[in-house]
Amino acid sequence: MYHVYIMASGRNGTLYIGVTGDLAQRAYQHRTGEIDGFTKRYAAKMLVHVEPFDRIEEVIQREKSLKRWPRRWKIELIETENPQWRDLYEDLV
């Protein structure tokens, strides 16, 4: 199973879109700052949106699509499924 996910620094904060084959591990890495990069620099530690896919080609296409969306659409997507901007990482552990 593959996932496209969105990390945020807070409600309406900095957003990061990524793809992974191990959502729990990848979200943990973002949360702890284990890997240098965008999410560490901007403290995007909250997992706020997740979409599962069976095929890697589908998840990569969805990631590319989401990255091209205007910010407003991304926020609407998050708020449709997660109106409180709850950290979904808690559901994984």
PDB file of N, CA and C in Angstrom:
ATOM      1  N   MET A   1       0.844  -1.180   0.000  1.00  0.00           N
ATOM      2  CA  MET A   1       0.000   0.000   0.000  1.00  0.00           C
ATOM      3  C   MET A   1       0.888   1.240   0.000  1.00  0.00           C
ATOM      4  N   TYR A   2       0.530   2.190  -0.806  1.00  0.00           N
ATOM      5  CA  TYR A   2       1.246   3.461  -0.903  1.00  0.00           C
ATOM      6  C   TYR A   2       0.320   4.581  -0.453  1.00  0.00           C
ATOM      7  N   HIS A   3       0.911   5.690  -0.034  1.00  0.00           N
ATOM      8  CA  HIS A   3       0.116   6.829   0.423  1.00  0.00           C
ATOM      9  C   HIS A   3       0.677   8.139  -0.112  1.00  0.00           C
ATOM     10  N   VAL A   4      -0.216   9.025  -0.485  1.00  0.00           N
ATOM     11  CA  VAL A   4       0.147  10.416  -0.676  1.00  0.00           C
ATOM     12  C   VAL A   4      -0.341  11.096   0.596  1.00  0.00           C
ATOM     13  N   TYR A   5       0.453  12.017   1.109  1.00  0.00           N
ATOM     14  CA  TYR A   5       0.121  12.618   2.395  1.00  0.00           C
ATOM     15  C   TYR A   5       0.479  14.094   2.392  1.00  0.00           C
ATOM     16  N   ILE A   6      -0.158  14.821   3.314  1.00  0.00           N
ATOM     17  CA  ILE A   6       0.151  16.233   3.493  1.00  0.00           C
ATOM     18  C   ILE A   6       0.543  16.449   4.945  1.00  0.00           C
ATOM     19  N   MET A   7       1.704  17.068   5.127  1.00  0.00           N
ATOM     20  CA  MET A   7       2.182  17.487   6.443  1.00  0.00           C
ATOM     21  C   MET A   7       1.983  18.996   6.526  1.00  0.00           C
ATOM     22  N   ALA A   8       1.727  19.502   7.736  1.00  0.00           N
ATOM     23  CA  ALA A   8       1.526  20.935   7.928  1.00  0.00           C
ATOM     24  C   ALA A   8       2.251  21.397   9.175  1.00  0.00           C
ATOM     25  N   SER A   9       2.622  22.666   9.181  1.00  0.00           N
ATOM     26  CA  SER A   9       3.255  23.251  10.361  1.00  0.00           C
ATOM     27  C   SER A   9       2.212  23.677  11.385  1.00  0.00           C
ATOM     28  N   GLY A  10       0.965  23.735  10.974  1.00  0.00           N
ATOM     29  CA  GLY A  10      -0.143  24.123  11.836  1.00  0.00           C
ATOM     30  C   GLY A  10      -1.342  24.429  10.968  1.00  0.00           C
ATOM     31  N   ARG A  11      -2.431  24.802  11.568  1.00  0.00           N
ATOM     32  CA  ARG A  11      -3.633  25.120  10.806  1.00  0.00           C
ATOM     33  C   ARG A  11      -3.318  26.271   9.842  1.00  0.00           C
ATOM     34  N   ASN A  12      -3.580  26.028   8.566  1.00  0.00           N
ATOM     35  CA  ASN A  12      -3.308  26.997   7.506  1.00  0.00           C
ATOM     36  C   ASN A  12      -1.835  27.396   7.427  1.00  0.00           C
ATOM     37  N   GLY A  13      -0.957  26.542   7.935  1.00  0.00           N
ATOM     38  CA  GLY A  13       0.471  26.827   7.906  1.00  0.00           C
ATOM     39  C   GLY A  13       1.132  26.309   6.648  1.00  0.00           C
ATOM     40  N   THR A  14       2.429  26.111   6.733  1.00  0.00           N
ATOM     41  CA  THR A  14       3.209  25.586   5.612  1.00  0.00           C
ATOM     42  C   THR A  14       2.771  24.156   5.330  1.00  0.00           C
ATOM     43  N   LEU A  15       2.609  23.808   4.048  1.00  0.00           N
ATOM     44  CA  LEU A  15       2.165  22.477   3.643  1.00  0.00           C
ATOM     45  C   LEU A  15       3.272  21.765   2.862  1.00  0.00           C
ATOM     46  N   TYR A  16       3.350  20.453   3.065  1.00  0.00           N
ATOM     47  CA  TYR A  16       4.289  19.613   2.329  1.00  0.00           C
ATOM     48  C   TYR A  16       3.531  18.395   1.844  1.00  0.00           C
ATOM     49  N   ILE A  17       3.685  18.057   0.577  1.00  0.00           N
ATOM     50  CA  ILE A  17       3.025  16.884  -0.005  1.00  0.00           C
ATOM     51  C   ILE A  17       4.088  15.861  -0.341  1.00  0.00           C
ATOM     52  N   GLY A  18       3.857  14.609   0.090  1.00  0.00           N
ATOM     53  CA  GLY A  18       4.820  13.549  -0.177  1.00  0.00           C
ATOM     54  C   GLY A  18       4.151  12.221  -0.488  1.00  0.00           C
ATOM     55  N   VAL A  19       4.975  11.242  -0.833  1.00  0.00           N
ATOM     56  CA  VAL A  19       4.546   9.887  -1.173  1.00  0.00           C
ATOM     57  C   VAL A  19       5.399   8.924  -0.369  1.00  0.00           C
ATOM     58  N   THR A  20       4.794   7.841   0.087  1.00  0.00           N
ATOM     59  CA  THR A  20       5.553   6.849   0.835  1.00  0.00           C
ATOM     60  C   THR A  20       4.920   5.466   0.730  1.00  0.00           C
ATOM     61  N   GLY A  21       5.729   4.458   0.977  1.00  0.00           N
ATOM     62  CA  GLY A  21       5.252   3.088   1.081  1.00  0.00           C
ATOM     63  C   GLY A  21       5.143   2.655   2.532  1.00  0.00           C
ATOM     64  N   ASP A  22       5.571   3.511   3.455  1.00  0.00           N
ATOM     65  CA  ASP A  22       5.485   3.219   4.892  1.00  0.00           C
ATOM     66  C   ASP A  22       5.093   4.511   5.614  1.00  0.00           C
ATOM     67  N   LEU A  23       3.803   4.745   5.697  1.00  0.00           N
ATOM     68  CA  LEU A  23       3.295   6.014   6.210  1.00  0.00           C
ATOM     69  C   LEU A  23       3.701   6.279   7.653  1.00  0.00           C
ATOM     70  N   ALA A  24       3.594   5.289   8.517  1.00  0.00           N
ATOM     71  CA  ALA A  24       3.930   5.498   9.926  1.00  0.00           C
ATOM     72  C   ALA A  24       5.398   5.910  10.085  1.00  0.00           C
ATOM     73  N   GLN A  25       6.286   5.211   9.399  1.00  0.00           N
ATOM     74  CA  GLN A  25       7.716   5.525   9.505  1.00  0.00           C
ATOM     75  C   GLN A  25       8.016   6.904   8.930  1.00  0.00           C
ATOM     76  N   ARG A  26       7.447   7.209   7.774  1.00  0.00           N
ATOM     77  CA  ARG A  26       7.742   8.492   7.130  1.00  0.00           C
ATOM     78  C   ARG A  26       7.199   9.660   7.955  1.00  0.00           C
ATOM     79  N   ALA A  27       5.996   9.519   8.486  1.00  0.00           N
ATOM     80  CA  ALA A  27       5.422  10.580   9.320  1.00  0.00           C
ATOM     81  C   ALA A  27       6.279  10.776  10.573  1.00  0.00           C
ATOM     82  N   TYR A  28       6.760   9.687  11.143  1.00  0.00           N
ATOM     83  CA  TYR A  28       7.643   9.769  12.307  1.00  0.00           C
ATOM     84  C   TYR A  28       8.916  10.545  11.962  1.00  0.00           C
ATOM     85  N   GLN A  29       9.490  10.256  10.799  1.00  0.00           N
ATOM     86  CA  GLN A  29      10.705  10.955  10.376  1.00  0.00           C
ATOM     87  C   GLN A  29      10.463  12.463  10.247  1.00  0.00           C
ATOM     88  N   HIS A  30       9.319  12.826   9.698  1.00  0.00           N
ATOM     89  CA  HIS A  30       8.982  14.254   9.590  1.00  0.00           C
ATOM     90  C   HIS A  30       8.814  14.867  10.980  1.00  0.00           C
ATOM     91  N   ARG A  31       8.102  14.173  11.849  1.00  0.00           N
ATOM     92  CA  ARG A  31       7.813  14.694  13.193  1.00  0.00           C
ATOM     93  C   ARG A  31       9.078  14.934  14.007  1.00  0.00           C
ATOM     94  N   THR A  32      10.030  14.033  13.881  1.00  0.00           N
ATOM     95  CA  THR A  32      11.238  14.112  14.693  1.00  0.00           C
ATOM     96  C   THR A  32      12.349  14.932  14.043  1.00  0.00           C
ATOM     97  N   GLY A  33      12.163  15.327  12.791  1.00  0.00           N
ATOM     98  CA  GLY A  33      13.206  16.066  12.091  1.00  0.00           C
ATOM     99  C   GLY A  33      14.395  15.194  11.762  1.00  0.00           C
ATOM    100  N   GLU A  34      14.157  13.891  11.679  1.00  0.00           N
ATOM    101  CA  GLU A  34      15.221  12.915  11.426  1.00  0.00           C
ATOM    102  C   GLU A  34      15.932  13.167  10.100  1.00  0.00           C
ATOM    103  N   ILE A  35      15.200  13.701   9.139  1.00  0.00           N
ATOM    104  CA  ILE A  35      15.771  13.942   7.814  1.00  0.00           C
ATOM    105  C   ILE A  35      15.780  15.445   7.538  1.00  0.00           C
ATOM    106  N   ASP A  36      16.944  15.949   7.160  1.00  0.00           N
ATOM    107  CA  ASP A  36      17.036  17.369   6.812  1.00  0.00           C
ATOM    108  C   ASP A  36      16.220  17.646   5.558  1.00  0.00           C
ATOM    109  N   GLY A  37      15.668  18.830   5.489  1.00  0.00           N
ATOM    110  CA  GLY A  37      14.920  19.208   4.296  1.00  0.00           C
ATOM    111  C   GLY A  37      13.785  20.159   4.616  1.00  0.00           C
ATOM    112  N   PHE A  38      12.855  20.235   3.699  1.00  0.00           N
ATOM    113  CA  PHE A  38      11.759  21.190   3.764  1.00  0.00           C
ATOM    114  C   PHE A  38      10.948  21.080   5.053  1.00  0.00           C
ATOM    115  N   THR A  39      10.504  19.862   5.393  1.00  0.00           N
ATOM    116  CA  THR A  39       9.638  19.725   6.574  1.00  0.00           C
ATOM    117  C   THR A  39      10.373  20.056   7.863  1.00  0.00           C
ATOM    118  N   LYS A  40      11.645  19.756   7.932  1.00  0.00           N
ATOM    119  CA  LYS A  40      12.421  20.116   9.121  1.00  0.00           C
ATOM    120  C   LYS A  40      12.600  21.628   9.199  1.00  0.00           C
ATOM    121  N   ARG A  41      12.940  22.236   8.079  1.00  0.00           N
ATOM    122  CA  ARG A  41      13.168  23.681   8.029  1.00  0.00           C
ATOM    123  C   ARG A  41      11.910  24.471   8.384  1.00  0.00           C
ATOM    124  N   TYR A  42      10.741  24.001   7.918  1.00  0.00           N
ATOM    125  CA  TYR A  42       9.495  24.734   8.144  1.00  0.00           C
ATOM    126  C   TYR A  42       8.614  24.126   9.236  1.00  0.00           C
ATOM    127  N   ALA A  43       9.147  23.160   9.979  1.00  0.00           N
ATOM    128  CA  ALA A  43       8.448  22.518  11.100  1.00  0.00           C
ATOM    129  C   ALA A  43       7.077  21.973  10.702  1.00  0.00           C
ATOM    130  N   ALA A  44       7.013  21.362   9.526  1.00  0.00           N
ATOM    131  CA  ALA A  44       5.771  20.725   9.075  1.00  0.00           C
ATOM    132  C   ALA A  44       5.725  19.318   9.668  1.00  0.00           C
ATOM    133  N   LYS A  45       5.209  19.222  10.881  1.00  0.00           N
ATOM    134  CA  LYS A  45       5.258  17.976  11.647  1.00  0.00           C
ATOM    135  C   LYS A  45       3.901  17.299  11.818  1.00  0.00           C
ATOM    136  N   MET A  46       2.831  17.963  11.429  1.00  0.00           N
ATOM    137  CA  MET A  46       1.486  17.407  11.608  1.00  0.00           C
ATOM    138  C   MET A  46       1.023  16.702  10.337  1.00  0.00           C
ATOM    139  N   LEU A  47       0.625  15.458  10.463  1.00  0.00           N
ATOM    140  CA  LEU A  47       0.046  14.709   9.346  1.00  0.00           C
ATOM    141  C   LEU A  47      -1.435  15.085   9.277  1.00  0.00           C
ATOM    142  N   VAL A  48      -1.833  15.812   8.226  1.00  0.00           N
ATOM    143  CA  VAL A  48      -3.200  16.339   8.185  1.00  0.00           C
ATOM    144  C   VAL A  48      -4.067  15.753   7.085  1.00  0.00           C
ATOM    145  N   HIS A  49      -3.456  15.025   6.146  1.00  0.00           N
ATOM    146  CA  HIS A  49      -4.244  14.416   5.062  1.00  0.00           C
ATOM    147  C   HIS A  49      -3.517  13.187   4.544  1.00  0.00           C
ATOM    148  N   VAL A  50      -4.285  12.118   4.256  1.00  0.00           N
ATOM    149  CA  VAL A  50      -3.722  10.864   3.750  1.00  0.00           C
ATOM    150  C   VAL A  50      -4.676  10.273   2.722  1.00  0.00           C
ATOM    151  N   GLU A  51      -4.106   9.760   1.626  1.00  0.00           N
ATOM    152  CA  GLU A  51      -4.878   9.030   0.623  1.00  0.00           C
ATOM    153  C   GLU A  51      -4.126   7.747   0.275  1.00  0.00           C
ATOM    154  N   PRO A  52      -4.778   6.580   0.417  1.00  0.00           N
ATOM    155  CA  PRO A  52      -4.126   5.309   0.093  1.00  0.00           C
ATOM    156  C   PRO A  52      -4.271   4.942  -1.388  1.00  0.00           C
ATOM    157  N   PHE A  53      -3.273   4.231  -1.913  1.00  0.00           N
ATOM    158  CA  PHE A  53      -3.281   3.747  -3.289  1.00  0.00           C
ATOM    159  C   PHE A  53      -2.637   2.364  -3.319  1.00  0.00           C
ATOM    160  N   ASP A  54      -3.085   1.532  -4.240  1.00  0.00           N
ATOM    161  CA  ASP A  54      -2.510   0.198  -4.398  1.00  0.00           C
ATOM    162  C   ASP A  54      -1.292   0.199  -5.323  1.00  0.00           C
ATOM    163  N   ARG A  55      -1.285   1.118  -6.280  1.00  0.00           N
ATOM    164  CA  ARG A  55      -0.227   1.116  -7.288  1.00  0.00           C
ATOM    165  C   ARG A  55       0.640   2.365  -7.186  1.00  0.00           C
ATOM    166  N   ILE A  56       1.939   2.174  -7.313  1.00  0.00           N
ATOM    167  CA  ILE A  56       2.885   3.278  -7.199  1.00  0.00           C
ATOM    168  C   ILE A  56       2.641   4.334  -8.272  1.00  0.00           C
ATOM    169  N   GLU A  57       2.255   3.904  -9.471  1.00  0.00           N
ATOM    170  CA  GLU A  57       2.005   4.865 -10.549  1.00  0.00           C
ATOM    171  C   GLU A  57       0.861   5.819 -10.188  1.00  0.00           C
ATOM    172  N   GLU A  58      -0.160   5.282  -9.538  1.00  0.00           N
ATOM    173  CA  GLU A  58      -1.316   6.103  -9.151  1.00  0.00           C
ATOM    174  C   GLU A  58      -0.947   7.123  -8.081  1.00  0.00           C
ATOM    175  N   VAL A  59      -0.191   6.688  -7.098  1.00  0.00           N
ATOM    176  CA  VAL A  59       0.162   7.590  -6.007  1.00  0.00           C
ATOM    177  C   VAL A  59       1.096   8.704  -6.495  1.00  0.00           C
ATOM    178  N   ILE A  60       2.005   8.381  -7.384  1.00  0.00           N
ATOM    179  CA  ILE A  60       2.903   9.401  -7.931  1.00  0.00           C
ATOM    180  C   ILE A  60       2.119  10.403  -8.763  1.00  0.00           C
ATOM    181  N   GLN A  61       1.173   9.932  -9.550  1.00  0.00           N
ATOM    182  CA  GLN A  61       0.350  10.838 -10.354  1.00  0.00           C
ATOM    183  C   GLN A  61      -0.471  11.759  -9.454  1.00  0.00           C
ATOM    184  N   ARG A  62      -1.028  11.202  -8.392  1.00  0.00           N
ATOM    185  CA  ARG A  62      -1.826  12.021  -7.468  1.00  0.00           C
ATOM    186  C   ARG A  62      -0.950  13.077  -6.788  1.00  0.00           C
ATOM    187  N   GLU A  63       0.252  12.695  -6.374  1.00  0.00           N
ATOM    188  CA  GLU A  63       1.169  13.656  -5.758  1.00  0.00           C
ATOM    189  C   GLU A  63       1.474  14.805  -6.718  1.00  0.00           C
ATOM    190  N   LYS A  64       1.793  14.486  -7.949  1.00  0.00           N
ATOM    191  CA  LYS A  64       2.094  15.522  -8.934  1.00  0.00           C
ATOM    192  C   LYS A  64       0.905  16.439  -9.144  1.00  0.00           C
ATOM    193  N   SER A  65      -0.271  15.847  -9.189  1.00  0.00           N
ATOM    194  CA  SER A  65      -1.494  16.634  -9.363  1.00  0.00           C
ATOM    195  C   SER A  65      -1.711  17.586  -8.190  1.00  0.00           C
ATOM    196  N   LEU A  66      -1.610  17.060  -6.973  1.00  0.00           N
ATOM    197  CA  LEU A  66      -1.814  17.890  -5.780  1.00  0.00           C
ATOM    198  C   LEU A  66      -0.796  19.022  -5.693  1.00  0.00           C
ATOM    199  N   LYS A  67       0.426  18.757  -6.079  1.00  0.00           N
ATOM    200  CA  LYS A  67       1.463  19.787  -6.018  1.00  0.00           C
ATOM    201  C   LYS A  67       1.178  20.945  -6.973  1.00  0.00           C
ATOM    202  N   ARG A  68       0.414  20.676  -8.032  1.00  0.00           N
ATOM    203  CA  ARG A  68       0.059  21.737  -8.982  1.00  0.00           C
ATOM    204  C   ARG A  68      -1.178  22.526  -8.537  1.00  0.00           C
ATOM    205  N   TRP A  69      -1.915  22.021  -7.554  1.00  0.00           N
ATOM    206  CA  TRP A  69      -3.125  22.695  -7.100  1.00  0.00           C
ATOM    207  C   TRP A  69      -2.795  24.026  -6.434  1.00  0.00           C
ATOM    208  N   PRO A  70      -3.690  24.995  -6.560  1.00  0.00           N
ATOM    209  CA  PRO A  70      -3.535  26.225  -5.772  1.00  0.00           C
ATOM    210  C   PRO A  70      -3.630  25.898  -4.276  1.00  0.00           C
ATOM    211  N   ARG A  71      -2.988  26.682  -3.467  1.00  0.00           N
ATOM    212  CA  ARG A  71      -2.991  26.473  -2.013  1.00  0.00           C
ATOM    213  C   ARG A  71      -4.413  26.382  -1.457  1.00  0.00           C
ATOM    214  N   ARG A  72      -5.286  27.218  -1.929  1.00  0.00           N
ATOM    215  CA  ARG A  72      -6.674  27.252  -1.452  1.00  0.00           C
ATOM    216  C   ARG A  72      -7.346  25.888  -1.637  1.00  0.00           C
ATOM    217  N   TRP A  73      -7.097  25.221  -2.762  1.00  0.00           N
ATOM    218  CA  TRP A  73      -7.683  23.901  -3.003  1.00  0.00           C
ATOM    219  C   TRP A  73      -7.129  22.869  -2.027  1.00  0.00           C
ATOM    220  N   LYS A  74      -5.832  22.959  -1.738  1.00  0.00           N
ATOM    221  CA  LYS A  74      -5.211  22.020  -0.795  1.00  0.00           C
ATOM    222  C   LYS A  74      -5.836  22.183   0.593  1.00  0.00           C
ATOM    223  N   ILE A  75      -6.029  23.416   1.004  1.00  0.00           N
ATOM    224  CA  ILE A  75      -6.645  23.670   2.309  1.00  0.00           C
ATOM    225  C   ILE A  75      -8.071  23.140   2.333  1.00  0.00           C
ATOM    226  N   GLU A  76      -8.818  23.342   1.257  1.00  0.00           N
ATOM    227  CA  GLU A  76     -10.184  22.810   1.176  1.00  0.00           C
ATOM    228  C   GLU A  76     -10.182  21.286   1.246  1.00  0.00           C
ATOM    229  N   LEU A  77      -9.222  20.642   0.591  1.00  0.00           N
ATOM    230  CA  LEU A  77      -9.105  19.177   0.630  1.00  0.00           C
ATOM    231  C   LEU A  77      -8.878  18.709   2.066  1.00  0.00           C
ATOM    232  N   ILE A  78      -7.968  19.358   2.765  1.00  0.00           N
ATOM    233  CA  ILE A  78      -7.684  18.992   4.158  1.00  0.00           C
ATOM    234  C   ILE A  78      -8.936  19.187   5.011  1.00  0.00           C
ATOM    235  N   GLU A  79      -9.571  20.338   4.873  1.00  0.00           N
ATOM    236  CA  GLU A  79     -10.705  20.658   5.730  1.00  0.00           C
ATOM    237  C   GLU A  79     -11.949  19.836   5.432  1.00  0.00           C
ATOM    238  N   THR A  80     -12.047  19.264   4.235  1.00  0.00           N
ATOM    239  CA  THR A  80     -13.165  18.376   3.913  1.00  0.00           C
ATOM    240  C   THR A  80     -13.106  17.108   4.758  1.00  0.00           C
ATOM    241  N   GLU A  81     -11.921  16.529   4.878  1.00  0.00           N
ATOM    242  CA  GLU A  81     -11.741  15.280   5.629  1.00  0.00           C
ATOM    243  C   GLU A  81     -11.294  15.496   7.071  1.00  0.00           C
ATOM    244  N   ASN A  82     -10.669  16.618   7.332  1.00  0.00           N
ATOM    245  CA  ASN A  82     -10.060  16.858   8.646  1.00  0.00           C
ATOM    246  C   ASN A  82     -10.280  18.322   9.050  1.00  0.00           C
ATOM    247  N   PRO A  83     -11.542  18.700   9.298  1.00  0.00           N
ATOM    248  CA  PRO A  83     -11.859  20.115   9.554  1.00  0.00           C
ATOM    249  C   PRO A  83     -11.174  20.705  10.783  1.00  0.00           C
ATOM    250  N   GLN A  84     -10.785  19.891  11.728  1.00  0.00           N
ATOM    251  CA  GLN A  84     -10.110  20.378  12.935  1.00  0.00           C
ATOM    252  C   GLN A  84      -8.591  20.419  12.785  1.00  0.00           C
ATOM    253  N   TRP A  85      -8.101  20.010  11.644  1.00  0.00           N
ATOM    254  CA  TRP A  85      -6.655  19.912  11.405  1.00  0.00           C
ATOM    255  C   TRP A  85      -5.991  19.052  12.495  1.00  0.00           C
ATOM    256  N   ARG A  86      -6.654  17.964  12.822  1.00  0.00           N
ATOM    257  CA  ARG A  86      -6.137  17.031  13.814  1.00  0.00           C
ATOM    258  C   ARG A  86      -4.912  16.318  13.249  1.00  0.00           C
ATOM    259  N   ASP A  87      -3.931  16.050  14.093  1.00  0.00           N
ATOM    260  CA  ASP A  87      -2.730  15.330  13.672  1.00  0.00           C
ATOM    261  C   ASP A  87      -3.086  13.855  13.523  1.00  0.00           C
ATOM    262  N   LEU A  88      -3.150  13.381  12.298  1.00  0.00           N
ATOM    263  CA  LEU A  88      -3.564  12.001  12.006  1.00  0.00           C
ATOM    264  C   LEU A  88      -2.505  10.972  12.376  1.00  0.00           C
ATOM    265  N   TYR A  89      -1.317  11.416  12.718  1.00  0.00           N
ATOM    266  CA  TYR A  89      -0.259  10.500  13.141  1.00  0.00           C
ATOM    267  C   TYR A  89      -0.721   9.688  14.352  1.00  0.00           C
ATOM    268  N   GLU A  90      -1.486  10.319  15.211  1.00  0.00           N
ATOM    269  CA  GLU A  90      -1.976   9.632  16.419  1.00  0.00           C
ATOM    270  C   GLU A  90      -2.777   8.379  16.056  1.00  0.00           C
ATOM    271  N   ASP A  91      -3.429   8.373  14.907  1.00  0.00           N
ATOM    272  CA  ASP A  91      -4.208   7.206  14.464  1.00  0.00           C
ATOM    273  C   ASP A  91      -3.298   6.063  13.994  1.00  0.00           C
ATOM    274  N   LEU A  92      -2.063   6.388  13.660  1.00  0.00           N
ATOM    275  CA  LEU A  92      -1.136   5.381  13.132  1.00  0.00           C
ATOM    276  C   LEU A  92      -0.414   4.615  14.222  1.00  0.00           C
ATOM    277  N   VAL A  93      -0.249   5.241  15.386  1.00  0.00           N
ATOM    278  CA  VAL A  93       0.550   4.610  16.448  1.00  0.00           C
ATOM    279  C   VAL A  93      -0.307   3.979  17.507  1.00  0.00           C
TER     280      VAL A  93
END
